[in-house]
PDB file of N, CA and C in Angstrom:
ATOM      1  N   UNK A   1      17.990  11.174   1.095  1.00  0.00           N
ATOM      2  CA  UNK A   1      17.587  10.162   0.147  1.00  0.00           C
ATOM      3  C   UNK A   1      16.811  10.856  -0.962  1.00  0.00           C
ATOM      4  N   UNK A   2      17.240  10.669  -2.175  1.00  0.00           N
ATOM      5  CA  UNK A   2      16.580  11.259  -3.319  1.00  0.00           C
ATOM      6  C   UNK A   2      15.529  10.291  -3.818  1.00  0.00           C
ATOM      7  N   UNK A   3      14.286  10.723  -3.792  1.00  0.00           N
ATOM      8  CA  UNK A   3      13.193   9.883  -4.256  1.00  0.00           C
ATOM      9  C   UNK A   3      12.942  10.240  -5.710  1.00  0.00           C
ATOM     10  N   UNK A   4      13.191   9.305  -6.601  1.00  0.00           N
ATOM     11  CA  UNK A   4      13.060   9.550  -8.026  1.00  0.00           C
ATOM     12  C   UNK A   4      12.216   8.436  -8.631  1.00  0.00           C
ATOM     13  N   UNK A   5      11.034   8.795  -9.125  1.00  0.00           N
ATOM     14  CA  UNK A   5      10.136   7.797  -9.692  1.00  0.00           C
ATOM     15  C   UNK A   5      10.296   7.675 -11.201  1.00  0.00           C
ATOM     16  N   UNK A   6      11.157   8.477 -11.797  1.00  0.00           N
ATOM     17  CA  UNK A   6      11.343   8.441 -13.239  1.00  0.00           C
ATOM     18  C   UNK A   6      11.944   7.101 -13.632  1.00  0.00           C
ATOM     19  N   UNK A   7      11.250   6.380 -14.458  1.00  0.00           N
ATOM     20  CA  UNK A   7      11.750   5.100 -14.922  1.00  0.00           C
ATOM     21  C   UNK A   7      11.480   3.945 -13.977  1.00  0.00           C
ATOM     22  N   UNK A   8      10.712   4.160 -12.909  1.00  0.00           N
ATOM     23  CA  UNK A   8      10.401   3.071 -11.984  1.00  0.00           C
ATOM     24  C   UNK A   8       9.437   2.104 -12.662  1.00  0.00           C
ATOM     25  N   UNK A   9       9.734   0.830 -12.547  1.00  0.00           N
ATOM     26  CA  UNK A   9       8.837  -0.149 -13.142  1.00  0.00           C
ATOM     27  C   UNK A   9       7.890  -0.697 -12.087  1.00  0.00           C
ATOM     28  N   UNK A  10       6.991  -1.550 -12.507  1.00  0.00           N
ATOM     29  CA  UNK A  10       5.964  -2.079 -11.612  1.00  0.00           C
ATOM     30  C   UNK A  10       6.584  -2.879 -10.472  1.00  0.00           C
ATOM     31  N   UNK A  11       7.640  -3.622 -10.754  1.00  0.00           N
ATOM     32  CA  UNK A  11       8.288  -4.416  -9.709  1.00  0.00           C
ATOM     33  C   UNK A  11       8.868  -3.527  -8.618  1.00  0.00           C
ATOM     34  N   UNK A  12       9.525  -2.438  -8.994  1.00  0.00           N
ATOM     35  CA  UNK A  12      10.090  -1.521  -8.005  1.00  0.00           C
ATOM     36  C   UNK A  12       9.005  -0.880  -7.153  1.00  0.00           C
ATOM     37  N   UNK A  13       7.900  -0.518  -7.755  1.00  0.00           N
ATOM     38  CA  UNK A  13       6.793   0.069  -7.001  1.00  0.00           C
ATOM     39  C   UNK A  13       6.196  -0.969  -6.057  1.00  0.00           C
ATOM     40  N   UNK A  14       6.078  -2.214  -6.496  1.00  0.00           N
ATOM     41  CA  UNK A  14       5.564  -3.284  -5.635  1.00  0.00           C
ATOM     42  C   UNK A  14       6.502  -3.533  -4.460  1.00  0.00           C
ATOM     43  N   UNK A  15       7.804  -3.496  -4.704  1.00  0.00           N
ATOM     44  CA  UNK A  15       8.770  -3.683  -3.616  1.00  0.00           C
ATOM     45  C   UNK A  15       8.657  -2.541  -2.615  1.00  0.00           C
ATOM     46  N   UNK A  16       8.510  -1.308  -3.118  1.00  0.00           N
ATOM     47  CA  UNK A  16       8.297  -0.152  -2.240  1.00  0.00           C
ATOM     48  C   UNK A  16       7.095  -0.400  -1.339  1.00  0.00           C
ATOM     49  N   UNK A  17       5.982  -0.814  -1.929  1.00  0.00           N
ATOM     50  CA  UNK A  17       4.749  -1.021  -1.164  1.00  0.00           C
ATOM     51  C   UNK A  17       4.939  -2.120  -0.128  1.00  0.00           C
ATOM     52  N   UNK A  18       5.597  -3.208  -0.496  1.00  0.00           N
ATOM     53  CA  UNK A  18       5.844  -4.296   0.452  1.00  0.00           C
ATOM     54  C   UNK A  18       6.739  -3.852   1.606  1.00  0.00           C
ATOM     55  N   UNK A  19       7.772  -3.088   1.299  1.00  0.00           N
ATOM     56  CA  UNK A  19       8.698  -2.643   2.340  1.00  0.00           C
ATOM     57  C   UNK A  19       8.005  -1.700   3.311  1.00  0.00           C
ATOM     58  N   UNK A  20       7.268  -0.707   2.799  1.00  0.00           N
ATOM     59  CA  UNK A  20       6.633   0.246   3.718  1.00  0.00           C
ATOM     60  C   UNK A  20       5.505  -0.414   4.504  1.00  0.00           C
ATOM     61  N   UNK A  21       4.813  -1.384   3.910  1.00  0.00           N
ATOM     62  CA  UNK A  21       3.764  -2.101   4.647  1.00  0.00           C
ATOM     63  C   UNK A  21       4.377  -2.942   5.766  1.00  0.00           C
ATOM     64  N   UNK A  22       5.463  -3.641   5.466  1.00  0.00           N
ATOM     65  CA  UNK A  22       6.143  -4.441   6.495  1.00  0.00           C
ATOM     66  C   UNK A  22       6.686  -3.543   7.603  1.00  0.00           C
ATOM     67  N   UNK A  23       7.232  -2.388   7.237  1.00  0.00           N
ATOM     68  CA  UNK A  23       7.748  -1.461   8.252  1.00  0.00           C
ATOM     69  C   UNK A  23       6.614  -0.908   9.107  1.00  0.00           C
ATOM     70  N   UNK A  24       5.492  -0.577   8.492  1.00  0.00           N
ATOM     71  CA  UNK A  24       4.339  -0.096   9.262  1.00  0.00           C
ATOM     72  C   UNK A  24       3.802  -1.161  10.196  1.00  0.00           C
ATOM     73  N   UNK A  25       3.740  -2.405   9.722  1.00  0.00           N
ATOM     74  CA  UNK A  25       3.280  -3.507  10.565  1.00  0.00           C
ATOM     75  C   UNK A  25       4.236  -3.739  11.727  1.00  0.00           C
ATOM     76  N   UNK A  26       5.541  -3.773  11.433  1.00  0.00           N
ATOM     77  CA  UNK A  26       6.542  -3.981  12.479  1.00  0.00           C
ATOM     78  C   UNK A  26       6.526  -2.820  13.474  1.00  0.00           C
ATOM     79  N   UNK A  27       6.310  -1.602  12.988  1.00  0.00           N
ATOM     80  CA  UNK A  27       6.188  -0.453  13.876  1.00  0.00           C
ATOM     81  C   UNK A  27       4.998  -0.595  14.813  1.00  0.00           C
ATOM     82  N   UNK A  28       3.874  -1.123  14.283  1.00  0.00           N
ATOM     83  CA  UNK A  28       2.689  -1.343  15.125  1.00  0.00           C
ATOM     84  C   UNK A  28       2.962  -2.403  16.172  1.00  0.00           C
ATOM     85  N   UNK A  29       3.676  -3.458  15.807  1.00  0.00           N
ATOM     86  CA  UNK A  29       3.997  -4.534  16.748  1.00  0.00           C
ATOM     87  C   UNK A  29       4.942  -4.031  17.834  1.00  0.00           C
ATOM     88  N   UNK A  30       5.966  -3.275  17.441  1.00  0.00           N
ATOM     89  CA  UNK A  30       6.952  -2.795  18.413  1.00  0.00           C
ATOM     90  C   UNK A  30       6.378  -1.751  19.362  1.00  0.00           C
ATOM     91  N   UNK A  31       5.517  -0.882  18.866  1.00  0.00           N
ATOM     92  CA  UNK A  31       4.950   0.166  19.707  1.00  0.00           C
ATOM     93  C   UNK A  31       3.674  -0.325  20.399  1.00  0.00           C
ATOM     94  N   UNK A  32       3.178  -1.471  19.962  1.00  0.00           N
ATOM     95  CA  UNK A  32       1.951  -2.061  20.488  1.00  0.00           C
ATOM     96  C   UNK A  32       0.770  -1.113  20.303  1.00  0.00           C
ATOM     97  N   UNK A  33       0.638  -0.651  19.072  1.00  0.00           N
ATOM     98  CA  UNK A  33      -0.443   0.266  18.744  1.00  0.00           C
ATOM     99  C   UNK A  33      -1.674  -0.468  18.260  1.00  0.00           C
ATOM    100  N   UNK A  34      -2.756   0.303  18.140  1.00  0.00           N
ATOM    101  CA  UNK A  34      -4.027  -0.243  17.680  1.00  0.00           C
ATOM    102  C   UNK A  34      -3.983  -0.426  16.166  1.00  0.00           C
ATOM    103  N   UNK A  35      -4.609  -1.493  15.705  1.00  0.00           N
ATOM    104  CA  UNK A  35      -4.674  -1.787  14.279  1.00  0.00           C
ATOM    105  C   UNK A  35      -5.832  -1.009  13.675  1.00  0.00           C
ATOM    106  N   UNK A  36      -5.524   0.095  12.987  1.00  0.00           N
ATOM    107  CA  UNK A  36      -6.588   0.814  12.305  1.00  0.00           C
ATOM    108  C   UNK A  36      -6.373   0.736  10.807  1.00  0.00           C
ATOM    109  N   UNK A  37      -7.415   0.392  10.101  1.00  0.00           N
ATOM    110  CA  UNK A  37      -7.433   0.203   8.649  1.00  0.00           C
ATOM    111  C   UNK A  37      -6.554  -0.951   8.177  1.00  0.00           C
ATOM    112  N   UNK A  38      -6.200  -1.865   9.057  1.00  0.00           N
ATOM    113  CA  UNK A  38      -5.472  -3.078   8.684  1.00  0.00           C
ATOM    114  C   UNK A  38      -4.145  -2.809   8.003  1.00  0.00           C
ATOM    115  N   UNK A  39      -3.848  -3.593   6.980  1.00  0.00           N
ATOM    116  CA  UNK A  39      -2.583  -3.433   6.270  1.00  0.00           C
ATOM    117  C   UNK A  39      -2.528  -2.125   5.498  1.00  0.00           C
ATOM    118  N   UNK A  40      -3.693  -1.601   5.093  1.00  0.00           N
ATOM    119  CA  UNK A  40      -3.703  -0.288   4.421  1.00  0.00           C
ATOM    120  C   UNK A  40      -3.196   0.793   5.362  1.00  0.00           C
ATOM    121  N   UNK A  41      -3.607   0.738   6.610  1.00  0.00           N
ATOM    122  CA  UNK A  41      -3.123   1.693   7.601  1.00  0.00           C
ATOM    123  C   UNK A  41      -1.642   1.523   7.873  1.00  0.00           C
ATOM    124  N   UNK A  42      -1.187   0.266   7.929  1.00  0.00           N
ATOM    125  CA  UNK A  42       0.246   0.011   8.116  1.00  0.00           C
ATOM    126  C   UNK A  42       1.049   0.555   6.936  1.00  0.00           C
ATOM    127  N   UNK A  43       0.543   0.349   5.727  1.00  0.00           N
ATOM    128  CA  UNK A  43       1.226   0.864   4.538  1.00  0.00           C
ATOM    129  C   UNK A  43       1.274   2.387   4.564  1.00  0.00           C
ATOM    130  N   UNK A  44       0.182   3.019   4.982  1.00  0.00           N
ATOM    131  CA  UNK A  44       0.142   4.477   5.045  1.00  0.00           C
ATOM    132  C   UNK A  44       1.123   5.006   6.090  1.00  0.00           C
ATOM    133  N   UNK A  45       1.147   4.390   7.261  1.00  0.00           N
ATOM    134  CA  UNK A  45       2.090   4.807   8.308  1.00  0.00           C
ATOM    135  C   UNK A  45       3.535   4.587   7.846  1.00  0.00           C
ATOM    136  N   UNK A  46       3.808   3.468   7.197  1.00  0.00           N
ATOM    137  CA  UNK A  46       5.154   3.203   6.684  1.00  0.00           C
ATOM    138  C   UNK A  46       5.564   4.206   5.621  1.00  0.00           C
ATOM    139  N   UNK A  47       4.633   4.560   4.743  1.00  0.00           N
ATOM    140  CA  UNK A  47       4.930   5.540   3.700  1.00  0.00           C
ATOM    141  C   UNK A  47       5.178   6.922   4.291  1.00  0.00           C
ATOM    142  N   UNK A  48       4.342   7.315   5.239  1.00  0.00           N
ATOM    143  CA  UNK A  48       4.581   8.595   5.919  1.00  0.00           C
ATOM    144  C   UNK A  48       5.909   8.571   6.670  1.00  0.00           C
ATOM    145  N   UNK A  49       6.233   7.424   7.247  1.00  0.00           N
ATOM    146  CA  UNK A  49       7.488   7.293   7.982  1.00  0.00           C
ATOM    147  C   UNK A  49       8.701   7.453   7.100  1.00  0.00           C
ATOM    148  N   UNK A  50       8.686   6.810   5.927  1.00  0.00           N
ATOM    149  CA  UNK A  50       9.842   6.928   5.032  1.00  0.00           C
ATOM    150  C   UNK A  50       9.954   8.355   4.501  1.00  0.00           C
ATOM    151  N   UNK A  51       8.829   9.006   4.265  1.00  0.00           N
ATOM    152  CA  UNK A  51       8.886  10.395   3.806  1.00  0.00           C
ATOM    153  C   UNK A  51       9.391  11.324   4.912  1.00  0.00           C
ATOM    154  N   UNK A  52       8.949  11.076   6.135  1.00  0.00           N
ATOM    155  CA  UNK A  52       9.380  11.901   7.265  1.00  0.00           C
ATOM    156  C   UNK A  52      10.877  11.758   7.525  1.00  0.00           C
ATOM    157  N   UNK A  53      11.343  10.547   7.679  1.00  0.00           N
ATOM    158  CA  UNK A  53      12.757  10.324   7.994  1.00  0.00           C
ATOM    159  C   UNK A  53      13.638  10.677   6.794  1.00  0.00           C
ATOM    160  N   UNK A  54      13.196  10.337   5.594  1.00  0.00           N
ATOM    161  CA  UNK A  54      13.955  10.697   4.402  1.00  0.00           C
ATOM    162  C   UNK A  54      14.111  12.199   4.251  1.00  0.00           C
ATOM    163  N   UNK A  55      13.046  12.948   4.566  1.00  0.00           N
ATOM    164  CA  UNK A  55      13.110  14.408   4.499  1.00  0.00           C
ATOM    165  C   UNK A  55      14.044  14.969   5.564  1.00  0.00           C
ATOM    166  N   UNK A  56      13.964  14.411   6.770  1.00  0.00           N
ATOM    167  CA  UNK A  56      14.861  14.869   7.833  1.00  0.00           C
ATOM    168  C   UNK A  56      16.324  14.583   7.504  1.00  0.00           C
ATOM    169  N   UNK A  57      16.608  13.396   6.999  1.00  0.00           N
ATOM    170  CA  UNK A  57      17.982  13.067   6.632  1.00  0.00           C
ATOM    171  C   UNK A  57      18.488  13.980   5.519  1.00  0.00           C
ATOM    172  N   UNK A  58      17.619  14.259   4.579  1.00  0.00           N
ATOM    173  CA  UNK A  58      18.004  15.150   3.480  1.00  0.00           C
ATOM    174  C   UNK A  58      18.219  16.574   3.971  1.00  0.00           C
ATOM    175  N   UNK A  59      17.401  17.015   4.928  1.00  0.00           N
ATOM    176  CA  UNK A  59      17.553  18.372   5.476  1.00  0.00           C
ATOM    177  C   UNK A  59      18.894  18.533   6.183  1.00  0.00           C
ATOM    178  N   UNK A  60      19.358  17.458   6.814  1.00  0.00           N
ATOM    179  CA  UNK A  60      20.650  17.494   7.498  1.00  0.00           C
ATOM    180  C   UNK A  60      21.794  17.041   6.592  1.00  0.00           C
ATOM    181  N   UNK A  61      21.486  16.875   5.292  1.00  0.00           N
ATOM    182  CA  UNK A  61      22.478  16.505   4.280  1.00  0.00           C
ATOM    183  C   UNK A  61      23.227  15.215   4.638  1.00  0.00           C
ATOM    184  N   UNK A  62      22.473  14.239   5.117  1.00  0.00           N
ATOM    185  CA  UNK A  62      23.042  12.937   5.461  1.00  0.00           C
ATOM    186  C   UNK A  62      22.504  11.900   4.489  1.00  0.00           C
ATOM    187  N   UNK A  63      23.390  11.144   3.888  1.00  0.00           N
ATOM    188  CA  UNK A  63      23.003  10.102   2.947  1.00  0.00           C
ATOM    189  C   UNK A  63      23.138   8.745   3.631  1.00  0.00           C
ATOM    190  N   UNK A  64      22.016   8.175   3.997  1.00  0.00           N
ATOM    191  CA  UNK A  64      22.027   6.857   4.627  1.00  0.00           C
ATOM    192  C   UNK A  64      22.508   5.802   3.636  1.00  0.00           C
ATOM    193  N   UNK A  65      22.130   5.947   2.376  1.00  0.00           N
ATOM    194  CA  UNK A  65      22.584   5.006   1.361  1.00  0.00           C
ATOM    195  C   UNK A  65      24.104   5.042   1.236  1.00  0.00           C
ATOM    196  N   UNK A  66      24.681   6.237   1.219  1.00  0.00           N
ATOM    197  CA  UNK A  66      26.140   6.367   1.138  1.00  0.00           C
ATOM    198  C   UNK A  66      26.836   5.776   2.341  1.00  0.00           C
ATOM    199  N   UNK A  67      26.284   6.029   3.516  1.00  0.00           N
ATOM    200  CA  UNK A  67      26.880   5.492   4.736  1.00  0.00           C
ATOM    201  C   UNK A  67      26.786   3.970   4.761  1.00  0.00           C
ATOM    202  N   UNK A  68      25.618   3.436   4.385  1.00  0.00           N
ATOM    203  CA  UNK A  68      25.454   1.983   4.372  1.00  0.00           C
ATOM    204  C   UNK A  68      26.370   1.324   3.342  1.00  0.00           C
ATOM    205  N   UNK A  69      26.552   1.969   2.201  1.00  0.00           N
ATOM    206  CA  UNK A  69      27.424   1.424   1.163  1.00  0.00           C
ATOM    207  C   UNK A  69      28.850   1.253   1.682  1.00  0.00           C
ATOM    208  N   UNK A  70      29.283   2.193   2.517  1.00  0.00           N
ATOM    209  CA  UNK A  70      30.633   2.116   3.066  1.00  0.00           C
ATOM    210  C   UNK A  70      30.765   1.077   4.174  1.00  0.00           C
ATOM    211  N   UNK A  71      29.677   0.777   4.874  1.00  0.00           N
ATOM    212  CA  UNK A  71      29.784  -0.069   6.068  1.00  0.00           C
ATOM    213  C   UNK A  71      29.359  -1.520   5.876  1.00  0.00           C
ATOM    214  N   UNK A  72      28.501  -1.807   4.907  1.00  0.00           N
ATOM    215  CA  UNK A  72      28.020  -3.188   4.747  1.00  0.00           C
ATOM    216  C   UNK A  72      28.969  -3.980   3.865  1.00  0.00           C
ATOM    217  N   UNK A  73      28.925  -5.298   3.947  1.00  0.00           N
ATOM    218  CA  UNK A  73      29.767  -6.127   3.069  1.00  0.00           C
ATOM    219  C   UNK A  73      29.385  -5.934   1.596  1.00  0.00           C
ATOM    220  N   UNK A  74      30.315  -6.245   0.727  1.00  0.00           N
ATOM    221  CA  UNK A  74      30.082  -6.072  -0.707  1.00  0.00           C
ATOM    222  C   UNK A  74      28.957  -6.946  -1.241  1.00  0.00           C
ATOM    223  N   UNK A  75      28.672  -8.049  -0.578  1.00  0.00           N
ATOM    224  CA  UNK A  75      27.599  -8.928  -1.049  1.00  0.00           C
ATOM    225  C   UNK A  75      26.226  -8.286  -0.869  1.00  0.00           C
ATOM    226  N   UNK A  76      26.095  -7.383   0.081  1.00  0.00           N
ATOM    227  CA  UNK A  76      24.819  -6.706   0.337  1.00  0.00           C
ATOM    228  C   UNK A  76      24.723  -5.382  -0.417  1.00  0.00           C
ATOM    229  N   UNK A  77      25.827  -4.884  -0.923  1.00  0.00           N
ATOM    230  CA  UNK A  77      25.880  -3.567  -1.558  1.00  0.00           C
ATOM    231  C   UNK A  77      24.809  -3.325  -2.626  1.00  0.00           C
ATOM    232  N   UNK A  78      24.453  -4.305  -3.471  1.00  0.00           N
ATOM    233  CA  UNK A  78      23.407  -4.018  -4.469  1.00  0.00           C
ATOM    234  C   UNK A  78      22.024  -3.750  -3.859  1.00  0.00           C
ATOM    235  N   UNK A  79      21.826  -4.144  -2.618  1.00  0.00           N
ATOM    236  CA  UNK A  79      20.520  -4.003  -1.968  1.00  0.00           C
ATOM    237  C   UNK A  79      20.480  -2.869  -0.955  1.00  0.00           C
ATOM    238  N   UNK A  80      21.509  -2.039  -0.938  1.00  0.00           N
ATOM    239  CA  UNK A  80      21.597  -0.968   0.053  1.00  0.00           C
ATOM    240  C   UNK A  80      20.454   0.031  -0.100  1.00  0.00           C
ATOM    241  N   UNK A  81      20.051   0.317  -1.327  1.00  0.00           N
ATOM    242  CA  UNK A  81      18.945   1.253  -1.559  1.00  0.00           C
ATOM    243  C   UNK A  81      17.674   0.772  -0.867  1.00  0.00           C
ATOM    244  N   UNK A  82      17.380  -0.523  -0.994  1.00  0.00           N
ATOM    245  CA  UNK A  82      16.174  -1.073  -0.371  1.00  0.00           C
ATOM    246  C   UNK A  82      16.319  -1.134   1.148  1.00  0.00           C
ATOM    247  N   UNK A  83      17.518  -1.387   1.630  1.00  0.00           N
ATOM    248  CA  UNK A  83      17.780  -1.368   3.072  1.00  0.00           C
ATOM    249  C   UNK A  83      17.577   0.037   3.630  1.00  0.00           C
ATOM    250  N   UNK A  84      18.010   1.033   2.878  1.00  0.00           N
ATOM    251  CA  UNK A  84      17.808   2.433   3.249  1.00  0.00           C
ATOM    252  C   UNK A  84      16.322   2.737   3.384  1.00  0.00           C
ATOM    253  N   UNK A  85      15.539   2.341   2.413  1.00  0.00           N
ATOM    254  CA  UNK A  85      14.093   2.578   2.454  1.00  0.00           C
ATOM    255  C   UNK A  85      13.471   1.860   3.645  1.00  0.00           C
ATOM    256  N   UNK A  86      13.868   0.613   3.867  1.00  0.00           N
ATOM    257  CA  UNK A  86      13.315  -0.153   4.981  1.00  0.00           C
ATOM    258  C   UNK A  86      13.639   0.454   6.332  1.00  0.00           C
ATOM    259  N   UNK A  87      14.885   0.873   6.526  1.00  0.00           N
ATOM    260  CA  UNK A  87      15.267   1.490   7.805  1.00  0.00           C
ATOM    261  C   UNK A  87      14.544   2.812   8.033  1.00  0.00           C
ATOM    262  N   UNK A  88      14.475   3.632   6.989  1.00  0.00           N
ATOM    263  CA  UNK A  88      13.767   4.916   7.121  1.00  0.00           C
ATOM    264  C   UNK A  88      12.289   4.686   7.416  1.00  0.00           C
ATOM    265  N   UNK A  89      11.685   3.743   6.714  1.00  0.00           N
ATOM    266  CA  UNK A  89      10.266   3.457   6.934  1.00  0.00           C
ATOM    267  C   UNK A  89      10.025   2.917   8.339  1.00  0.00           C
ATOM    268  N   UNK A  90      10.894   2.032   8.812  1.00  0.00           N
ATOM    269  CA  UNK A  90      10.721   1.449  10.142  1.00  0.00           C
ATOM    270  C   UNK A  90      10.877   2.500  11.239  1.00  0.00           C
ATOM    271  N   UNK A  91      11.938   3.288  11.161  1.00  0.00           N
ATOM    272  CA  UNK A  91      12.144   4.328  12.179  1.00  0.00           C
ATOM    273  C   UNK A  91      11.008   5.343  12.132  1.00  0.00           C
ATOM    274  N   UNK A  92      10.611   5.729  10.928  1.00  0.00           N
ATOM    275  CA  UNK A  92       9.509   6.676  10.792  1.00  0.00           C
ATOM    276  C   UNK A  92       8.191   6.117  11.308  1.00  0.00           C
ATOM    277  N   UNK A  93       7.930   4.837  11.032  1.00  0.00           N
ATOM    278  CA  UNK A  93       6.701   4.208  11.512  1.00  0.00           C
ATOM    279  C   UNK A  93       6.686   4.134  13.035  1.00  0.00           C
ATOM    280  N   UNK A  94       7.823   3.817  13.635  1.00  0.00           N
ATOM    281  CA  UNK A  94       7.901   3.760  15.099  1.00  0.00           C
ATOM    282  C   UNK A  94       7.656   5.144  15.689  1.00  0.00           C
ATOM    283  N   UNK A  95       8.268   6.156  15.105  1.00  0.00           N
ATOM    284  CA  UNK A  95       8.082   7.526  15.601  1.00  0.00           C
ATOM    285  C   UNK A  95       6.621   7.955  15.459  1.00  0.00           C
ATOM    286  N   UNK A  96       6.023   7.717  14.304  1.00  0.00           N
ATOM    287  CA  UNK A  96       4.628   8.114  14.093  1.00  0.00           C
ATOM    288  C   UNK A  96       3.681   7.339  15.001  1.00  0.00           C
ATOM    289  N   UNK A  97       3.915   6.046  15.145  1.00  0.00           N
ATOM    290  CA  UNK A  97       3.067   5.250  16.047  1.00  0.00           C
ATOM    291  C   UNK A  97       3.208   5.718  17.496  1.00  0.00           C
ATOM    292  N   UNK A  98       4.410   6.078  17.906  1.00  0.00           N
ATOM    293  CA  UNK A  98       4.612   6.571  19.271  1.00  0.00           C
ATOM    294  C   UNK A  98       3.898   7.908  19.473  1.00  0.00           C
ATOM    295  N   UNK A  99       3.894   8.748  18.455  1.00  0.00           N
ATOM    296  CA  UNK A  99       3.182  10.031  18.551  1.00  0.00           C
ATOM    297  C   UNK A  99       1.678   9.813  18.568  1.00  0.00           C
ATOM    298  N   UNK A 100       1.179   8.869  17.770  1.00  0.00           N
ATOM    299  CA  UNK A 100      -0.265   8.629  17.674  1.00  0.00           C
ATOM    300  C   UNK A 100      -0.825   7.781  18.810  1.00  0.00           C
ATOM    301  N   UNK A 101       0.015   7.048  19.508  1.00  0.00           N
ATOM    302  CA  UNK A 101      -0.475   6.106  20.518  1.00  0.00           C
ATOM    303  C   UNK A 101      -1.331   6.752  21.607  1.00  0.00           C
ATOM    304  N   UNK A 102      -0.983   7.928  22.151  1.00  0.00           N
ATOM    305  CA  UNK A 102      -1.866   8.519  23.162  1.00  0.00           C
ATOM    306  C   UNK A 102      -3.270   8.851  22.638  1.00  0.00           C
ATOM    307  N   UNK A 103      -3.367   9.070  21.329  1.00  0.00           N
ATOM    308  CA  UNK A 103      -4.649   9.452  20.758  1.00  0.00           C
ATOM    309  C   UNK A 103      -5.466   8.240  20.301  1.00  0.00           C
ATOM    310  N   UNK A 104      -4.782   7.157  19.902  1.00  0.00           N
ATOM    311  CA  UNK A 104      -5.488   5.988  19.392  1.00  0.00           C
ATOM    312  C   UNK A 104      -5.576   4.856  20.399  1.00  0.00           C
ATOM    313  N   UNK A 105      -4.813   4.931  21.462  1.00  0.00           N
ATOM    314  CA  UNK A 105      -4.816   3.868  22.471  1.00  0.00           C
ATOM    315  C   UNK A 105      -3.870   2.745  22.093  1.00  0.00           C
ATOM    316  N   UNK A 106      -3.578   1.926  23.053  1.00  0.00           N
ATOM    317  CA  UNK A 106      -2.666   0.797  22.823  1.00  0.00           C
ATOM    318  C   UNK A 106      -3.387  -0.364  22.203  1.00  0.00           C
ATOM    319  N   UNK A 107      -2.634  -1.433  21.936  1.00  0.00           N
ATOM    320  CA  UNK A 107      -3.176  -2.629  21.316  1.00  0.00           C
ATOM    321  C   UNK A 107      -3.957  -3.408  22.286  1.00  0.00           C
TER     322      UNK A 107
END
């Protein structure tokens, strides 16, 4: 996933923040982790998650956006980029929460 902030407007940045915060929150719920720093902590975990998974996918030269574009219906195709970010953030948040859980304790 190529992260390009050139030309990003305020709405796109707000959507990014909402997606990574929701993914961090959902990751906390699924892993049953402790709530540290509230939604700010969830946003941070989600952001780290999308960077972690996005970097790994890029290292293995796999384009999740390209794969999703081929597999989803045409009605969803304009939103594939945001779906890519959400999936990467969610998987990354779950992985990070699972790694941190022994150190922070459960919920």
